[in-house]
Amino acid sequence: MTIRISLIPSSWLYALYVKAFKWAIRLIYDEQFKQFRIYTEASASKPSLAREAE
């Protein structure tokens, strides 16, 4: 499973803002992305209910 997250700025000002504060955005959201990755990996490894019904 691959999780890709991208940010597509809608204007040059927003692109400049993201480039300038990339380090701060990473600090704020890094823990949430780790938790999301752990959740998705755990969900992918469990058999689904549809498989159990077969």
Protein backbone atom coordinates (compact mmCIF):
# COMPACT_ATOMS: atom_id res chain seq x y z
CA MET A 1 0.00 0.00 0.00
CA THR A 2 1.29 3.44 -0.88
CA ILE A 3 0.05 6.66 0.67
CA ARG A 4 0.84 9.79 -1.29
CA ILE A 5 0.01 13.23 -0.03
CA SER A 6 0.48 16.25 -2.23
CA LEU A 7 -0.28 19.92 -2.03
CA ILE A 8 -1.13 21.79 -5.20
CA PRO A 9 -1.05 25.55 -4.62
CA SER A 10 -3.75 27.53 -6.38
CA SER A 11 -1.74 30.75 -6.73
CA TRP A 12 1.87 31.89 -6.72
CA LEU A 13 1.39 33.56 -3.31
CA TYR A 14 0.14 30.35 -1.75
CA ALA A 15 3.01 28.42 -3.39
CA LEU A 16 5.49 30.89 -1.89
CA TYR A 17 3.85 30.55 1.53
CA VAL A 18 4.04 26.76 1.41
CA LYS A 19 7.66 26.81 0.30
CA ALA A 20 8.62 29.24 3.08
CA PHE A 21 6.82 27.38 5.85
CA LYS A 22 7.26 23.76 4.71
CA TRP A 23 9.27 22.94 7.83
CA ALA A 24 6.52 24.25 10.13
CA ILE A 25 3.78 22.40 8.26
CA ARG A 26 5.79 19.19 8.55
CA LEU A 27 6.23 19.70 12.31
CA ILE A 28 2.50 20.27 12.80
CA TYR A 29 1.18 17.38 10.70
CA ASP A 30 3.95 14.77 10.97
CA GLU A 31 2.42 13.00 13.99
CA GLN A 32 -1.03 12.89 12.37
CA PHE A 33 0.44 11.37 9.20
CA LYS A 34 2.25 8.74 11.29
CA GLN A 35 -0.98 7.82 13.06
CA PHE A 36 -2.84 7.66 9.74
CA ARG A 37 -0.15 5.37 8.31
CA ILE A 38 -0.33 3.07 11.35
CA TYR A 39 -4.13 2.94 11.07
CA THR A 40 -4.15 2.16 7.35
CA GLU A 41 -1.46 -0.51 7.71
CA ALA A 42 -3.41 -2.15 10.52
CA SER A 43 -6.65 -1.99 8.53
CA ALA A 44 -5.01 -3.49 5.45
CA SER A 45 -3.59 -6.41 7.39
CA LYS A 46 -6.96 -7.40 8.93
CA PRO A 47 -9.29 -9.57 6.85
CA SER A 48 -12.38 -7.71 5.75
CA LEU A 49 -15.88 -8.68 6.86
CA ALA A 50 -16.79 -9.61 3.28
CA ARG A 51 -14.02 -12.21 3.20
CA GLU A 52 -15.18 -13.66 6.51
CA ALA A 53 -18.74 -14.04 5.18
CA GLU A 54 -17.57 -16.20 2.24
